[in-house]
Amino acid sequence: MGPSVPWKPDLIATTFVPAAATPDIAGRFPPHKTIIVQNFPLLSEFASREGLVPGGTRRDLVYVGGIAEARGIIEMVDAMAILKREKPGICLNIAGRFLNTSLEERVRTMDGATLVRFLGWQSRDEVSSLLSSAIAGLVVLHPTPSYQRSYPVKLFEYMAAGIPVIASDFPLWREIVEEAGCGLLVDPHDPRAIADAAIWLSEHEGEAQAMGAAGAAAVHSRFNWSHEAQKLLCLYARLAST
């Protein structure tokens, strides 16, 4: 999550006010006793955009995070097999670790895996470098209840980096992506849809750059940790005055 803010356990213990990460979670508590503090990125990690690779020279997709079936790894690799036949030259960079060895063994034998660079854990600087050369960031998590009701940090990190997103078409995520105009929504179970989105973005450079810029603007104006941290500071000030 973002940087720490002053913690006052004595106040929290005496006046419990839930700080929920999403509106769905907040809905489980009394509205007058609940605040929503969302897990948005730090602006400081994306402060400089001078190193961005020009749009026409971007050739890669990127996924950042743990590698699991429910996070769309099978569909992402199957989409790369489609791109291998129809749009050669596009690769997928994955910054993250497999969550189990049997899945890794299975994925590495898939046809599309020849176009995937499994980079393992990457530092924040290394992730920023990967994002700077990407056509789009993938966040095609499966429609499990927890994913459908939560905001994935990687979605906002892709936006902050100024690249379009290819995201699962969940109602909660649709509100973000469509309002910001920052990417394309797909059925996460459909590799064809994922591949088509990647092809479209690679062939429509102007529109892709506009989506990336729109996402960055949305993060800078709203979806950032500085904005959320103020909610906690205001909460602590209110508790301290009671």
Protein backbone atom coordinates (compact mmCIF):
# COMPACT_ATOMS: atom_id res chain seq x y z
CA MET A 1 0.00 0.00 0.00
CA GLY A 2 1.06 3.63 0.06
CA PRO A 3 3.23 5.37 2.65
CA SER A 4 2.34 5.10 6.30
CA VAL A 5 0.38 7.77 8.08
CA PRO A 6 0.34 8.49 11.81
CA TRP A 7 -1.13 5.55 13.69
CA LYS A 8 -3.08 6.18 16.89
CA PRO A 9 -4.02 2.80 18.39
CA ASP A 10 -5.51 4.37 21.51
CA LEU A 11 -7.99 6.36 19.44
CA ILE A 12 -8.84 3.47 17.13
CA ALA A 13 -9.42 1.19 20.11
CA THR A 14 -11.86 3.55 21.75
CA THR A 15 -13.68 4.78 18.62
CA PHE A 16 -13.72 2.09 15.95
CA VAL A 17 -14.20 3.47 12.43
CA PRO A 18 -13.72 0.91 9.62
CA ALA A 19 -11.44 2.01 6.77
CA ALA A 20 -12.62 -0.06 3.79
CA ALA A 21 -10.59 -0.67 0.61
CA THR A 22 -13.59 -0.71 -1.75
CA PRO A 23 -17.17 0.58 -1.81
CA ASP A 24 -18.40 -3.03 -1.64
CA ILE A 25 -16.58 -3.64 1.63
CA ALA A 26 -17.69 -0.27 2.98
CA GLY A 27 -21.30 -1.29 2.31
CA ARG A 28 -21.04 -3.91 5.04
CA PHE A 29 -20.64 -1.25 7.74
CA PRO A 30 -22.75 1.71 8.90
CA PRO A 31 -22.14 4.57 6.43
CA HIS A 32 -21.73 7.22 9.14
CA LYS A 33 -18.97 5.16 10.78
CA THR A 34 -17.06 4.11 7.65
CA ILE A 35 -14.54 5.66 5.30
CA ILE A 36 -13.20 4.25 2.03
CA VAL A 37 -9.40 4.28 1.71
CA GLN A 38 -8.35 2.68 -1.55
CA ASN A 39 -5.05 1.08 -2.50
CA PHE A 40 -3.90 3.48 -5.22
CA PRO A 41 -0.32 4.01 -6.44
CA LEU A 42 2.25 6.51 -5.27
CA LEU A 43 2.60 9.39 -7.71
CA SER A 44 6.30 9.68 -6.88
CA GLU A 45 6.97 6.32 -8.53
CA PHE A 46 5.63 7.64 -11.82
CA ALA A 47 6.72 11.27 -11.54
CA SER A 48 9.02 11.29 -14.56
CA ARG A 49 7.63 10.38 -17.98
CA GLU A 50 10.71 11.48 -19.93
CA GLY A 51 11.93 7.92 -20.31
CA LEU A 52 8.82 6.63 -22.05
CA VAL A 53 9.55 4.83 -25.29
CA PRO A 54 7.81 6.47 -28.29
CA GLY A 55 4.52 4.75 -29.09
CA GLY A 56 5.60 3.49 -32.52
CA THR A 57 8.55 1.58 -31.06
CA ARG A 58 6.59 -0.24 -28.35
CA ARG A 59 6.29 -3.93 -29.09
CA ASP A 60 5.50 -5.65 -25.81
CA LEU A 61 2.59 -6.45 -23.56
CA VAL A 62 3.22 -6.55 -19.83
CA TYR A 63 1.74 -8.24 -16.79
CA VAL A 64 2.91 -7.44 -13.26
CA GLY A 65 1.96 -9.66 -10.33
CA GLY A 66 1.71 -13.19 -9.06
CA ILE A 67 1.17 -15.87 -11.71
CA ALA A 68 -1.89 -18.06 -11.14
CA GLU A 69 -4.73 -19.56 -13.15
CA ALA A 70 -7.28 -17.27 -11.52
CA ARG A 71 -5.14 -14.31 -12.57
CA GLY A 72 -5.42 -15.25 -16.22
CA ILE A 73 -2.07 -16.84 -17.04
CA ILE A 74 -3.53 -19.60 -19.25
CA GLU A 75 -5.58 -17.14 -21.29
CA MET A 76 -2.68 -14.70 -21.59
CA VAL A 77 -0.37 -17.39 -22.96
CA ASP A 78 -3.08 -18.72 -25.29
CA ALA A 79 -3.53 -15.15 -26.55
CA MET A 80 0.19 -15.04 -27.31
CA ALA A 81 -0.19 -18.17 -29.42
CA ILE A 82 -2.79 -16.30 -31.49
CA LEU A 83 -0.48 -13.30 -31.80
CA LYS A 84 2.35 -15.62 -32.82
CA ARG A 85 0.30 -16.59 -35.89
CA GLU A 86 -1.42 -13.30 -36.65
CA LYS A 87 0.79 -10.49 -35.32
CA PRO A 88 4.36 -11.77 -34.98
CA GLY A 89 6.81 -9.60 -33.12
CA ILE A 90 4.73 -8.87 -30.03
CA CYS A 91 6.01 -10.43 -26.80
CA LEU A 92 4.63 -10.59 -23.29
CA ASN A 93 6.83 -9.59 -20.35
CA ILE A 94 5.73 -11.04 -17.02
CA ALA A 95 7.16 -9.55 -13.84
CA GLY A 96 6.17 -11.93 -11.08
CA ARG A 97 6.53 -15.43 -9.73
CA PHE A 98 4.47 -18.58 -10.28
CA LEU A 99 2.41 -19.44 -7.23
CA ASN A 100 2.94 -23.17 -7.72
CA THR A 101 5.44 -25.31 -9.62
CA SER A 102 2.92 -27.58 -11.36
CA LEU A 103 1.31 -24.58 -13.03
CA GLU A 104 4.71 -23.30 -14.12
CA GLU A 105 5.56 -26.65 -15.71
CA ARG A 106 2.26 -26.64 -17.58
CA VAL A 107 2.52 -23.05 -18.80
CA ARG A 108 6.08 -23.34 -20.05
CA THR A 109 5.04 -26.14 -22.43
CA MET A 110 2.23 -24.12 -24.03
CA ASP A 111 2.62 -22.91 -27.62
CA GLY A 112 2.35 -19.24 -26.73
CA ALA A 113 5.05 -19.51 -24.04
CA THR A 114 7.75 -19.04 -26.69
CA LEU A 115 6.67 -15.39 -26.87
CA VAL A 116 6.59 -14.88 -23.10
CA ARG A 117 9.52 -13.63 -21.08
CA PHE A 118 9.15 -14.94 -17.53
CA LEU A 119 11.25 -12.39 -15.66
CA GLY A 120 10.46 -13.36 -12.08
CA TRP A 121 10.44 -10.77 -9.33
CA GLN A 122 11.43 -7.30 -10.53
CA SER A 123 12.36 -4.16 -8.62
CA ARG A 124 10.18 -1.07 -8.87
CA ASP A 125 12.67 0.53 -11.25
CA GLU A 126 12.71 -2.58 -13.42
CA VAL A 127 8.91 -2.65 -13.51
CA SER A 128 8.84 1.01 -14.54
CA SER A 129 11.24 0.22 -17.38
CA LEU A 130 9.03 -2.64 -18.58
CA LEU A 131 5.97 -0.41 -18.53
CA SER A 132 7.73 2.30 -20.51
CA SER A 133 8.12 -0.02 -23.52
CA ALA A 134 4.69 -1.67 -23.37
CA ILE A 135 1.83 -1.56 -25.84
CA ALA A 136 -0.55 -2.25 -22.94
CA GLY A 137 -0.77 -3.65 -19.44
CA LEU A 138 -2.78 -6.84 -18.92
CA VAL A 139 -5.10 -7.30 -15.94
CA VAL A 140 -7.35 -10.16 -17.04
CA LEU A 141 -8.21 -11.72 -13.70
CA HIS A 142 -10.99 -14.29 -13.59
CA PRO A 143 -14.45 -13.28 -12.31
CA THR A 144 -14.07 -14.62 -8.78
CA PRO A 145 -16.14 -12.76 -6.15
CA SER A 146 -13.04 -11.25 -4.54
CA TYR A 147 -11.60 -9.95 -7.82
CA GLN A 148 -14.92 -8.61 -9.07
CA ARG A 149 -15.37 -6.56 -5.90
CA SER A 150 -11.81 -5.22 -5.60
CA TYR A 151 -9.55 -2.72 -7.34
CA PRO A 152 -6.31 -4.31 -8.60
CA VAL A 153 -3.34 -2.07 -7.86
CA LYS A 154 -1.74 -3.06 -11.17
CA LEU A 155 -4.63 -1.48 -13.08
CA PHE A 156 -3.81 1.93 -11.62
CA GLU A 157 -0.06 1.40 -11.96
CA TYR A 158 -0.49 0.76 -15.69
CA MET A 159 -2.60 3.90 -15.91
CA ALA A 160 -0.03 5.91 -13.94
CA ALA A 161 2.68 4.74 -16.34
CA GLY A 162 0.71 6.15 -19.26
CA ILE A 163 -0.06 2.91 -21.09
CA PRO A 164 -3.48 1.54 -22.10
CA VAL A 165 -4.97 -1.33 -20.11
CA ILE A 166 -6.54 -4.55 -21.32
CA ALA A 167 -8.78 -5.41 -18.40
CA SER A 168 -11.47 -7.88 -17.37
CA ASP A 169 -14.94 -6.55 -18.07
CA PHE A 170 -16.22 -6.42 -14.49
CA PRO A 171 -18.83 -3.77 -13.59
CA LEU A 172 -16.59 -2.17 -10.96
CA TRP A 173 -13.60 -2.04 -13.30
CA ARG A 174 -15.76 -0.91 -16.23
CA GLU A 175 -16.66 2.24 -14.31
CA ILE A 176 -12.97 3.12 -14.02
CA VAL A 177 -11.83 2.19 -17.53
CA GLU A 178 -14.79 3.67 -19.40
CA GLU A 179 -14.91 6.87 -17.35
CA ALA A 180 -11.18 7.45 -17.81
CA GLY A 181 -11.14 6.21 -21.42
CA CYS A 182 -7.90 4.41 -20.63
CA GLY A 183 -8.16 1.01 -22.33
CA LEU A 184 -10.15 -1.94 -23.58
CA LEU A 185 -12.37 -4.37 -21.66
CA VAL A 186 -12.44 -8.08 -22.49
CA ASP A 187 -13.88 -11.38 -21.37
CA PRO A 188 -10.97 -12.73 -19.28
CA HIS A 189 -11.82 -16.30 -20.28
CA ASP A 190 -11.44 -15.50 -24.00
CA PRO A 191 -7.86 -15.54 -25.38
CA ARG A 192 -9.21 -14.39 -28.76
CA ALA A 193 -10.61 -11.24 -27.18
CA ILE A 194 -7.32 -10.55 -25.39
CA ALA A 195 -5.34 -11.03 -28.60
CA ASP A 196 -7.74 -8.85 -30.61
CA ALA A 197 -7.39 -6.05 -28.05
CA ALA A 198 -3.60 -6.25 -28.28
CA ILE A 199 -3.72 -6.23 -32.08
CA TRP A 200 -6.06 -3.23 -32.13
CA LEU A 201 -3.84 -1.20 -29.80
CA SER A 202 -0.71 -2.09 -31.77
CA GLU A 203 -2.37 -0.95 -35.02
CA HIS A 204 -3.98 2.24 -33.66
CA GLU A 205 -1.05 4.12 -32.21
CA GLY A 206 -2.79 7.47 -31.87
CA GLU A 207 -5.78 6.04 -30.03
CA ALA A 208 -3.52 3.93 -27.80
CA GLN A 209 -1.42 6.95 -26.85
CA ALA A 210 -4.58 8.92 -26.06
CA MET A 211 -5.81 6.11 -23.81
CA GLY A 212 -2.47 6.02 -22.01
CA ALA A 213 -2.49 9.78 -21.48
CA ALA A 214 -6.07 9.67 -20.23
CA GLY A 215 -5.21 6.97 -17.71
CA ALA A 216 -2.24 8.94 -16.41
CA ALA A 217 -4.38 12.06 -16.06
CA ALA A 218 -7.02 10.12 -14.11
CA VAL A 219 -4.42 8.77 -11.67
CA HIS A 220 -2.86 12.19 -11.15
CA SER A 221 -6.22 13.81 -10.51
CA ARG A 222 -7.92 11.11 -8.46
CA PHE A 223 -6.59 7.55 -8.26
CA ASN A 224 -3.43 8.13 -6.21
CA TRP A 225 -2.31 7.43 -2.67
CA SER A 226 -1.82 11.10 -1.74
CA HIS A 227 -5.54 11.61 -2.23
CA GLU A 228 -6.40 8.55 -0.13
CA ALA A 229 -3.92 9.32 2.65
CA GLN A 230 -5.70 12.59 3.32
CA LYS A 231 -8.81 10.62 4.23
CA LEU A 232 -6.91 8.81 6.97
CA LEU A 233 -5.37 12.02 8.25
CA CYS A 234 -8.82 13.61 8.39
CA LEU A 235 -10.14 10.57 10.22
CA TYR A 236 -7.38 10.75 12.83
CA ALA A 237 -7.98 14.48 13.29
CA ARG A 238 -11.69 13.83 13.81
CA LEU A 239 -11.02 11.05 16.33
CA ALA A 240 -8.49 13.20 18.18
CA SER A 241 -11.08 15.95 18.60
CA THR A 242 -13.69 13.66 20.16
